[in-house]
Amino acid sequence: MKYLVLSDSHGNVDNMVRAVELVKPHGIIHLGDGWRDAEELHQLYPRLPLEQVPGNCDFGRFEALERVLILDDHRVLIAHGHTLGVKTGLDLIGRAHV
């Protein structure tokens, strides 16, 4: 299956719509900083499964900041990255949820 991974939409749903139309994915993963944008996109494409996590700008969200999905028999960690220190390196993300 083909998944479209999006992040940091910050109110720009039009760009996400263009990406969906171009890629024609089987599902969408949104990695935060645009929780409401992802919900709006899901309303436009309700048949596409949506998985998401909140980012550091998604204030008032209490969902898990990191999740492990099973996609096509593969474990996939989804996270915005701010809780795993990705701005300073990938050491923490490499050890997360092993």
PDB file of N, CA and C in Angstrom:
ATOM      1  N   MET A   1       0.844  -1.187   0.000  1.00  0.00           N
ATOM      2  CA  MET A   1       0.000   0.000   0.000  1.00  0.00           C
ATOM      3  C   MET A   1       0.883   1.241   0.000  1.00  0.00           C
ATOM      4  N   LYS A   2       0.347   2.300  -0.550  1.00  0.00           N
ATOM      5  CA  LYS A   2       1.068   3.564  -0.636  1.00  0.00           C
ATOM      6  C   LYS A   2       0.472   4.555   0.360  1.00  0.00           C
ATOM      7  N   TYR A   3       1.343   5.105   1.219  1.00  0.00           N
ATOM      8  CA  TYR A   3       0.929   6.073   2.217  1.00  0.00           C
ATOM      9  C   TYR A   3       1.542   7.428   1.894  1.00  0.00           C
ATOM     10  N   LEU A   4       0.764   8.466   2.063  1.00  0.00           N
ATOM     11  CA  LEU A   4       1.248   9.831   1.926  1.00  0.00           C
ATOM     12  C   LEU A   4       1.551  10.334   3.325  1.00  0.00           C
ATOM     13  N   VAL A   5       2.792  10.740   3.566  1.00  0.00           N
ATOM     14  CA  VAL A   5       3.206  11.232   4.875  1.00  0.00           C
ATOM     15  C   VAL A   5       3.325  12.747   4.797  1.00  0.00           C
ATOM     16  N   LEU A   6       2.608  13.422   5.691  1.00  0.00           N
ATOM     17  CA  LEU A   6       2.571  14.882   5.720  1.00  0.00           C
ATOM     18  C   LEU A   6       2.922  15.361   7.122  1.00  0.00           C
ATOM     19  N   SER A   7       3.383  16.599   7.196  1.00  0.00           N
ATOM     20  CA  SER A   7       3.708  17.188   8.482  1.00  0.00           C
ATOM     21  C   SER A   7       3.779  18.694   8.343  1.00  0.00           C
ATOM     22  N   ASP A   8       3.592  19.373   9.444  1.00  0.00           N
ATOM     23  CA  ASP A   8       3.788  20.826   9.501  1.00  0.00           C
ATOM     24  C   ASP A   8       2.976  21.571   8.438  1.00  0.00           C
ATOM     25  N   SER A   9       1.728  21.215   8.310  1.00  0.00           N
ATOM     26  CA  SER A   9       0.871  21.881   7.321  1.00  0.00           C
ATOM     27  C   SER A   9       0.495  23.292   7.758  1.00  0.00           C
ATOM     28  N   HIS A  10       0.414  23.535   9.044  1.00  0.00           N
ATOM     29  CA  HIS A  10       0.190  24.879   9.599  1.00  0.00           C
ATOM     30  C   HIS A  10      -0.876  25.666   8.842  1.00  0.00           C
ATOM     31  N   GLY A  11      -2.018  25.026   8.589  1.00  0.00           N
ATOM     32  CA  GLY A  11      -3.150  25.718   7.979  1.00  0.00           C
ATOM     33  C   GLY A  11      -3.225  25.639   6.464  1.00  0.00           C
ATOM     34  N   ASN A  12      -2.261  25.035   5.817  1.00  0.00           N
ATOM     35  CA  ASN A  12      -2.260  24.980   4.364  1.00  0.00           C
ATOM     36  C   ASN A  12      -2.819  23.644   3.872  1.00  0.00           C
ATOM     37  N   VAL A  13      -4.122  23.533   3.899  1.00  0.00           N
ATOM     38  CA  VAL A  13      -4.795  22.311   3.466  1.00  0.00           C
ATOM     39  C   VAL A  13      -4.703  22.160   1.949  1.00  0.00           C
ATOM     40  N   ASP A  14      -4.678  23.275   1.220  1.00  0.00           N
ATOM     41  CA  ASP A  14      -4.615  23.212  -0.245  1.00  0.00           C
ATOM     42  C   ASP A  14      -3.402  22.425  -0.729  1.00  0.00           C
ATOM     43  N   ASN A  15      -2.255  22.622  -0.099  1.00  0.00           N
ATOM     44  CA  ASN A  15      -1.062  21.865  -0.500  1.00  0.00           C
ATOM     45  C   ASN A  15      -1.244  20.375  -0.244  1.00  0.00           C
ATOM     46  N   MET A  16      -1.904  20.028   0.842  1.00  0.00           N
ATOM     47  CA  MET A  16      -2.134  18.620   1.135  1.00  0.00           C
ATOM     48  C   MET A  16      -3.102  18.012   0.130  1.00  0.00           C
ATOM     49  N   VAL A  17      -4.125  18.773  -0.259  1.00  0.00           N
ATOM     50  CA  VAL A  17      -5.073  18.294  -1.270  1.00  0.00           C
ATOM     51  C   VAL A  17      -4.332  18.030  -2.572  1.00  0.00           C
ATOM     52  N   ARG A  18      -3.460  18.949  -2.973  1.00  0.00           N
ATOM     53  CA  ARG A  18      -2.685  18.748  -4.204  1.00  0.00           C
ATOM     54  C   ARG A  18      -1.826  17.487  -4.111  1.00  0.00           C
ATOM     55  N   ALA A  19      -1.236  17.261  -2.939  1.00  0.00           N
ATOM     56  CA  ALA A  19      -0.412  16.068  -2.754  1.00  0.00           C
ATOM     57  C   ALA A  19      -1.246  14.797  -2.874  1.00  0.00           C
ATOM     58  N   VAL A  20      -2.430  14.794  -2.274  1.00  0.00           N
ATOM     59  CA  VAL A  20      -3.312  13.615  -2.367  1.00  0.00           C
ATOM     60  C   VAL A  20      -3.684  13.364  -3.823  1.00  0.00           C
ATOM     61  N   GLU A  21      -4.032  14.408  -4.540  1.00  0.00           N
ATOM     62  CA  GLU A  21      -4.420  14.247  -5.949  1.00  0.00           C
ATOM     63  C   GLU A  21      -3.245  13.753  -6.800  1.00  0.00           C
ATOM     64  N   LEU A  22      -2.053  14.206  -6.490  1.00  0.00           N
ATOM     65  CA  LEU A  22      -0.872  13.805  -7.254  1.00  0.00           C
ATOM     66  C   LEU A  22      -0.431  12.377  -6.934  1.00  0.00           C
ATOM     67  N   VAL A  23      -0.393  12.041  -5.656  1.00  0.00           N
ATOM     68  CA  VAL A  23       0.136  10.746  -5.215  1.00  0.00           C
ATOM     69  C   VAL A  23      -0.900   9.631  -5.291  1.00  0.00           C
ATOM     70  N   LYS A  24      -2.162   9.968  -5.039  1.00  0.00           N
ATOM     71  CA  LYS A  24      -3.255   8.978  -4.992  1.00  0.00           C
ATOM     72  C   LYS A  24      -2.915   7.834  -4.017  1.00  0.00           C
ATOM     73  N   PRO A  25      -2.737   8.192  -2.750  1.00  0.00           N
ATOM     74  CA  PRO A  25      -2.330   7.189  -1.756  1.00  0.00           C
ATOM     75  C   PRO A  25      -3.490   6.298  -1.318  1.00  0.00           C
ATOM     76  N   HIS A  26      -3.122   5.222  -0.630  1.00  0.00           N
ATOM     77  CA  HIS A  26      -4.121   4.345  -0.019  1.00  0.00           C
ATOM     78  C   HIS A  26      -4.428   4.774   1.407  1.00  0.00           C
ATOM     79  N   GLY A  27      -3.588   5.632   1.973  1.00  0.00           N
ATOM     80  CA  GLY A  27      -3.770   6.127   3.326  1.00  0.00           C
ATOM     81  C   GLY A  27      -2.905   7.352   3.555  1.00  0.00           C
ATOM     82  N   ILE A  28      -3.223   8.094   4.618  1.00  0.00           N
ATOM     83  CA  ILE A  28      -2.513   9.329   4.938  1.00  0.00           C
ATOM     84  C   ILE A  28      -1.991   9.249   6.366  1.00  0.00           C
ATOM     85  N   ILE A  29      -0.758   9.708   6.553  1.00  0.00           N
ATOM     86  CA  ILE A  29      -0.162   9.826   7.873  1.00  0.00           C
ATOM     87  C   ILE A  29       0.230  11.286   8.041  1.00  0.00           C
ATOM     88  N   HIS A  30      -0.279  11.919   9.095  1.00  0.00           N
ATOM     89  CA  HIS A  30       0.084  13.320   9.372  1.00  0.00           C
ATOM     90  C   HIS A  30       0.878  13.347  10.673  1.00  0.00           C
ATOM     91  N   LEU A  31       2.068  13.937  10.614  1.00  0.00           N
ATOM     92  CA  LEU A  31       3.000  13.907  11.739  1.00  0.00           C
ATOM     93  C   LEU A  31       2.989  15.179  12.571  1.00  0.00           C
ATOM     94  N   GLY A  32       1.876  15.860  12.612  1.00  0.00           N
ATOM     95  CA  GLY A  32       1.720  16.955  13.555  1.00  0.00           C
ATOM     96  C   GLY A  32       1.938  18.345  12.997  1.00  0.00           C
ATOM     97  N   ASP A  33       1.598  19.308  13.846  1.00  0.00           N
ATOM     98  CA  ASP A  33       1.566  20.731  13.506  1.00  0.00           C
ATOM     99  C   ASP A  33       0.586  20.987  12.364  1.00  0.00           C
ATOM    100  N   GLY A  34      -0.628  20.587  12.646  1.00  0.00           N
ATOM    101  CA  GLY A  34      -1.729  20.766  11.725  1.00  0.00           C
ATOM    102  C   GLY A  34      -2.803  19.711  11.953  1.00  0.00           C
ATOM    103  N   TRP A  35      -3.072  19.417  13.225  1.00  0.00           N
ATOM    104  CA  TRP A  35      -4.063  18.379  13.566  1.00  0.00           C
ATOM    105  C   TRP A  35      -5.394  18.659  12.878  1.00  0.00           C
ATOM    106  N   ARG A  36      -5.860  19.896  12.999  1.00  0.00           N
ATOM    107  CA  ARG A  36      -7.145  20.253  12.380  1.00  0.00           C
ATOM    108  C   ARG A  36      -7.060  20.180  10.857  1.00  0.00           C
ATOM    109  N   ASP A  37      -5.913  20.503  10.301  1.00  0.00           N
ATOM    110  CA  ASP A  37      -5.722  20.389   8.851  1.00  0.00           C
ATOM    111  C   ASP A  37      -5.921  18.948   8.410  1.00  0.00           C
ATOM    112  N   ALA A  38      -5.343  18.019   9.165  1.00  0.00           N
ATOM    113  CA  ALA A  38      -5.473  16.601   8.833  1.00  0.00           C
ATOM    114  C   ALA A  38      -6.930  16.155   8.934  1.00  0.00           C
ATOM    115  N   GLU A  39      -7.635  16.647   9.938  1.00  0.00           N
ATOM    116  CA  GLU A  39      -9.056  16.310  10.059  1.00  0.00           C
ATOM    117  C   GLU A  39      -9.853  16.865   8.883  1.00  0.00           C
ATOM    118  N   GLU A  40      -9.525  18.085   8.463  1.00  0.00           N
ATOM    119  CA  GLU A  40     -10.203  18.679   7.308  1.00  0.00           C
ATOM    120  C   GLU A  40      -9.904  17.880   6.039  1.00  0.00           C
ATOM    121  N   LEU A  41      -8.658  17.460   5.882  1.00  0.00           N
ATOM    122  CA  LEU A  41      -8.296  16.643   4.726  1.00  0.00           C
ATOM    123  C   LEU A  41      -9.054  15.325   4.745  1.00  0.00           C
ATOM    124  N   HIS A  42      -9.195  14.749   5.936  1.00  0.00           N
ATOM    125  CA  HIS A  42      -9.928  13.486   6.061  1.00  0.00           C
ATOM    126  C   HIS A  42     -11.411  13.663   5.705  1.00  0.00           C
ATOM    127  N   GLN A  43     -11.972  14.817   6.001  1.00  0.00           N
ATOM    128  CA  GLN A  43     -13.358  15.084   5.605  1.00  0.00           C
ATOM    129  C   GLN A  43     -13.484  15.150   4.084  1.00  0.00           C
ATOM    130  N   LEU A  44     -12.448  15.646   3.416  1.00  0.00           N
ATOM    131  CA  LEU A  44     -12.460  15.714   1.947  1.00  0.00           C
ATOM    132  C   LEU A  44     -12.245  14.348   1.310  1.00  0.00           C
ATOM    133  N   TYR A  45     -11.510  13.481   2.000  1.00  0.00           N
ATOM    134  CA  TYR A  45     -11.184  12.134   1.498  1.00  0.00           C
ATOM    135  C   TYR A  45     -11.515  11.096   2.569  1.00  0.00           C
ATOM    136  N   PRO A  46     -12.789  10.929   2.890  1.00  0.00           N
ATOM    137  CA  PRO A  46     -13.155  10.057   4.017  1.00  0.00           C
ATOM    138  C   PRO A  46     -12.824   8.579   3.803  1.00  0.00           C
ATOM    139  N   ARG A  47     -12.614   8.158   2.581  1.00  0.00           N
ATOM    140  CA  ARG A  47     -12.289   6.744   2.326  1.00  0.00           C
ATOM    141  C   ARG A  47     -10.815   6.426   2.558  1.00  0.00           C
ATOM    142  N   LEU A  48      -9.996   7.463   2.671  1.00  0.00           N
ATOM    143  CA  LEU A  48      -8.572   7.238   2.932  1.00  0.00           C
ATOM    144  C   LEU A  48      -8.348   7.166   4.439  1.00  0.00           C
ATOM    145  N   PRO A  49      -7.805   6.055   4.923  1.00  0.00           N
ATOM    146  CA  PRO A  49      -7.507   5.974   6.350  1.00  0.00           C
ATOM    147  C   PRO A  49      -6.515   7.070   6.739  1.00  0.00           C
ATOM    148  N   LEU A  50      -6.717   7.653   7.905  1.00  0.00           N
ATOM    149  CA  LEU A  50      -5.850   8.697   8.425  1.00  0.00           C
ATOM    150  C   LEU A  50      -5.290   8.272   9.769  1.00  0.00           C
ATOM    151  N   GLU A  51      -3.982   8.352   9.903  1.00  0.00           N
ATOM    152  CA  GLU A  51      -3.302   8.161  11.179  1.00  0.00           C
ATOM    153  C   GLU A  51      -2.557   9.457  11.449  1.00  0.00           C
ATOM    154  N   GLN A  52      -2.548   9.892  12.710  1.00  0.00           N
ATOM    155  CA  GLN A  52      -1.830  11.128  13.012  1.00  0.00           C
ATOM    156  C   GLN A  52      -1.385  11.174  14.467  1.00  0.00           C
ATOM    157  N   VAL A  53      -0.405  12.023  14.690  1.00  0.00           N
ATOM    158  CA  VAL A  53       0.085  12.345  16.027  1.00  0.00           C
ATOM    159  C   VAL A  53       0.167  13.865  16.110  1.00  0.00           C
ATOM    160  N   PRO A  54       0.021  14.418  17.313  1.00  0.00           N
ATOM    161  CA  PRO A  54       0.134  15.867  17.442  1.00  0.00           C
ATOM    162  C   PRO A  54       1.594  16.317  17.444  1.00  0.00           C
ATOM    163  N   GLY A  55       1.797  17.548  16.987  1.00  0.00           N
ATOM    164  CA  GLY A  55       3.123  18.159  17.023  1.00  0.00           C
ATOM    165  C   GLY A  55       3.221  19.171  18.142  1.00  0.00           C
ATOM    166  N   ASN A  56       4.341  19.846  18.217  1.00  0.00           N
ATOM    167  CA  ASN A  56       4.567  20.807  19.292  1.00  0.00           C
ATOM    168  C   ASN A  56       3.711  22.062  19.163  1.00  0.00           C
ATOM    169  N   CYS A  57       3.083  22.280  18.021  1.00  0.00           N
ATOM    170  CA  CYS A  57       2.182  23.435  17.849  1.00  0.00           C
ATOM    171  C   CYS A  57       0.707  23.040  17.880  1.00  0.00           C
ATOM    172  N   ASP A  58       0.419  21.782  18.125  1.00  0.00           N
ATOM    173  CA  ASP A  58      -0.976  21.315  18.212  1.00  0.00           C
ATOM    174  C   ASP A  58      -1.437  21.396  19.658  1.00  0.00           C
ATOM    175  N   PHE A  59      -1.627  22.605  20.132  1.00  0.00           N
ATOM    176  CA  PHE A  59      -1.959  22.853  21.533  1.00  0.00           C
ATOM    177  C   PHE A  59      -3.312  22.257  21.896  1.00  0.00           C
ATOM    178  N   GLY A  60      -3.397  21.701  23.089  1.00  0.00           N
ATOM    179  CA  GLY A  60      -4.651  21.165  23.593  1.00  0.00           C
ATOM    180  C   GLY A  60      -4.951  19.754  23.134  1.00  0.00           C
ATOM    181  N   ARG A  61      -4.019  19.096  22.475  1.00  0.00           N
ATOM    182  CA  ARG A  61      -4.220  17.705  22.048  1.00  0.00           C
ATOM    183  C   ARG A  61      -3.640  16.806  23.126  1.00  0.00           C
ATOM    184  N   PHE A  62      -4.340  15.728  23.436  1.00  0.00           N
ATOM    185  CA  PHE A  62      -3.888  14.824  24.480  1.00  0.00           C
ATOM    186  C   PHE A  62      -3.648  13.410  23.946  1.00  0.00           C
ATOM    187  N   GLU A  63      -3.637  13.270  22.635  1.00  0.00           N
ATOM    188  CA  GLU A  63      -3.348  11.982  22.025  1.00  0.00           C
ATOM    189  C   GLU A  63      -1.861  11.654  22.207  1.00  0.00           C
ATOM    190  N   ALA A  64      -1.523  10.398  21.999  1.00  0.00           N
ATOM    191  CA  ALA A  64      -0.127   9.956  22.131  1.00  0.00           C
ATOM    192  C   ALA A  64       0.767  10.745  21.174  1.00  0.00           C
ATOM    193  N   LEU A  65       1.915  11.187  21.679  1.00  0.00           N
ATOM    194  CA  LEU A  65       2.866  11.943  20.869  1.00  0.00           C
ATOM    195  C   LEU A  65       3.674  11.045  19.941  1.00  0.00           C
ATOM    196  N   GLU A  66       3.730   9.774  20.275  1.00  0.00           N
ATOM    197  CA  GLU A  66       4.433   8.782  19.460  1.00  0.00           C
ATOM    198  C   GLU A  66       3.562   7.543  19.389  1.00  0.00           C
ATOM    199  N   ARG A  67       3.509   6.944  18.214  1.00  0.00           N
ATOM    200  CA  ARG A  67       2.714   5.722  18.044  1.00  0.00           C
ATOM    201  C   ARG A  67       3.474   4.773  17.137  1.00  0.00           C
ATOM    202  N   VAL A  68       3.227   3.499  17.339  1.00  0.00           N
ATOM    203  CA  VAL A  68       3.765   2.485  16.440  1.00  0.00           C
ATOM    204  C   VAL A  68       2.594   1.897  15.681  1.00  0.00           C
ATOM    205  N   LEU A  69       2.685   1.959  14.357  1.00  0.00           N
ATOM    206  CA  LEU A  69       1.665   1.391  13.479  1.00  0.00           C
ATOM    207  C   LEU A  69       2.218   0.118  12.854  1.00  0.00           C
ATOM    208  N   ILE A  70       1.332  -0.781  12.515  1.00  0.00           N
ATOM    209  CA  ILE A  70       1.705  -1.947  11.719  1.00  0.00           C
ATOM    210  C   ILE A  70       1.133  -1.705  10.326  1.00  0.00           C
ATOM    211  N   LEU A  71       2.027  -1.474   9.381  1.00  0.00           N
ATOM    212  CA  LEU A  71       1.628  -1.197   7.999  1.00  0.00           C
ATOM    213  C   LEU A  71       2.278  -2.228   7.087  1.00  0.00           C
ATOM    214  N   ASP A  72       1.468  -3.016   6.447  1.00  0.00           N
ATOM    215  CA  ASP A  72       1.980  -4.051   5.543  1.00  0.00           C
ATOM    216  C   ASP A  72       3.043  -4.908   6.227  1.00  0.00           C
ATOM    217  N   ASP A  73       2.756  -5.369   7.433  1.00  0.00           N
ATOM    218  CA  ASP A  73       3.635  -6.234   8.218  1.00  0.00           C
ATOM    219  C   ASP A  73       4.929  -5.561   8.675  1.00  0.00           C
ATOM    220  N   HIS A  74       4.973  -4.225   8.655  1.00  0.00           N
ATOM    221  CA  HIS A  74       6.140  -3.484   9.123  1.00  0.00           C
ATOM    222  C   HIS A  74       5.729  -2.604  10.307  1.00  0.00           C
ATOM    223  N   ARG A  75       6.582  -2.568  11.320  1.00  0.00           N
ATOM    224  CA  ARG A  75       6.365  -1.645  12.448  1.00  0.00           C
ATOM    225  C   ARG A  75       6.885  -0.283  12.022  1.00  0.00           C
ATOM    226  N   VAL A  76       6.040   0.731  12.142  1.00  0.00           N
ATOM    227  CA  VAL A  76       6.398   2.084  11.735  1.00  0.00           C
ATOM    228  C   VAL A  76       6.141   3.028  12.910  1.00  0.00           C
ATOM    229  N   LEU A  77       7.183   3.697  13.357  1.00  0.00           N
ATOM    230  CA  LEU A  77       7.055   4.692  14.413  1.00  0.00           C
ATOM    231  C   LEU A  77       6.649   6.010  13.767  1.00  0.00           C
ATOM    232  N   ILE A  78       5.544   6.585  14.251  1.00  0.00           N
ATOM    233  CA  ILE A  78       5.170   7.912  13.780  1.00  0.00           C
ATOM    234  C   ILE A  78       5.268   8.881  14.955  1.00  0.00           C
ATOM    235  N   ALA A  79       5.896  10.017  14.696  1.00  0.00           N
ATOM    236  CA  ALA A  79       6.092  11.040  15.717  1.00  0.00           C
ATOM    237  C   ALA A  79       6.416  12.344  15.011  1.00  0.00           C
ATOM    238  N   HIS A  80       6.113  13.442  15.653  1.00  0.00           N
ATOM    239  CA  HIS A  80       6.498  14.744  15.100  1.00  0.00           C
ATOM    240  C   HIS A  80       8.007  14.924  15.228  1.00  0.00           C
ATOM    241  N   GLY A  81       8.564  14.348  16.262  1.00  0.00           N
ATOM    242  CA  GLY A  81      10.007  14.367  16.445  1.00  0.00           C
ATOM    243  C   GLY A  81      10.487  15.238  17.582  1.00  0.00           C
ATOM    244  N   HIS A  82       9.660  16.173  18.021  1.00  0.00           N
ATOM    245  CA  HIS A  82      10.107  17.090  19.070  1.00  0.00           C
ATOM    246  C   HIS A  82      10.369  16.390  20.403  1.00  0.00           C
ATOM    247  N   THR A  83       9.703  15.284  20.659  1.00  0.00           N
ATOM    248  CA  THR A  83       9.926  14.558  21.914  1.00  0.00           C
ATOM    249  C   THR A  83      11.127  13.629  21.830  1.00  0.00           C
ATOM    250  N   LEU A  84      11.667  13.470  20.631  1.00  0.00           N
ATOM    251  CA  LEU A  84      12.789  12.554  20.420  1.00  0.00           C
ATOM    252  C   LEU A  84      14.073  13.277  20.047  1.00  0.00           C
ATOM    253  N   GLY A  85      14.082  14.583  20.170  1.00  0.00           N
ATOM    254  CA  GLY A  85      15.292  15.356  19.953  1.00  0.00           C
ATOM    255  C   GLY A  85      15.854  15.292  18.545  1.00  0.00           C
ATOM    256  N   VAL A  86      14.995  15.222  17.538  1.00  0.00           N
ATOM    257  CA  VAL A  86      15.487  15.045  16.170  1.00  0.00           C
ATOM    258  C   VAL A  86      16.264  16.250  15.634  1.00  0.00           C
ATOM    259  N   LYS A  87      16.131  17.389  16.288  1.00  0.00           N
ATOM    260  CA  LYS A  87      16.901  18.554  15.833  1.00  0.00           C
ATOM    261  C   LYS A  87      18.381  18.430  16.185  1.00  0.00           C
ATOM    262  N   THR A  88      18.700  17.557  17.120  1.00  0.00           N
ATOM    263  CA  THR A  88      20.095  17.410  17.531  1.00  0.00           C
ATOM    264  C   THR A  88      20.695  16.068  17.130  1.00  0.00           C
ATOM    265  N   GLY A  89      19.899  15.183  16.561  1.00  0.00           N
ATOM    266  CA  GLY A  89      20.415  13.891  16.129  1.00  0.00           C
ATOM    267  C   GLY A  89      19.325  12.842  16.092  1.00  0.00           C
ATOM    268  N   LEU A  90      19.688  11.668  15.643  1.00  0.00           N
ATOM    269  CA  LEU A  90      18.698  10.588  15.501  1.00  0.00           C
ATOM    270  C   LEU A  90      18.896   9.451  16.493  1.00  0.00           C
ATOM    271  N   ASP A  91      19.776   9.665  17.498  1.00  0.00           N
ATOM    272  CA  ASP A  91      20.061   8.611  18.467  1.00  0.00           C
ATOM    273  C   ASP A  91      18.810   8.154  19.212  1.00  0.00           C
ATOM    274  N   LEU A  92      18.030   9.093  19.726  1.00  0.00           N
ATOM    275  CA  LEU A  92      16.833   8.713  20.505  1.00  0.00           C
ATOM    276  C   LEU A  92      15.789   8.036  19.648  1.00  0.00           C
ATOM    277  N   ILE A  93      15.574   8.538  18.458  1.00  0.00           N
ATOM    278  CA  ILE A  93      14.544   7.933  17.603  1.00  0.00           C
ATOM    279  C   ILE A  93      14.943   6.529  17.164  1.00  0.00           C
ATOM    280  N   GLY A  94      16.237   6.296  17.050  1.00  0.00           N
ATOM    281  CA  GLY A  94      16.709   4.977  16.691  1.00  0.00           C
ATOM    282  C   GLY A  94      16.472   3.941  17.786  1.00  0.00           C
ATOM    283  N   ARG A  95      16.379   4.398  19.026  1.00  0.00           N
ATOM    284  CA  ARG A  95      16.149   3.484  20.156  1.00  0.00           C
ATOM    285  C   ARG A  95      14.695   3.456  20.601  1.00  0.00           C
ATOM    286  N   ALA A  96      13.880   4.334  20.068  1.00  0.00           N
ATOM    287  CA  ALA A  96      12.482   4.454  20.507  1.00  0.00           C
ATOM    288  C   ALA A  96      11.664   3.235  20.083  1.00  0.00           C
ATOM    289  N   HIS A  97      10.893   2.732  21.010  1.00  0.00           N
ATOM    290  CA  HIS A  97       9.901   1.683  20.732  1.00  0.00           C
ATOM    291  C   HIS A  97      10.518   0.443  20.082  1.00  0.00           C
ATOM    292  N   VAL A  98      11.719   0.099  20.478  1.00  0.00           N
ATOM    293  CA  VAL A  98      12.376  -1.095  19.891  1.00  0.00           C
ATOM    294  C   VAL A  98      11.775  -2.339  20.470  1.00  0.00           C
TER     295      VAL A  98
END
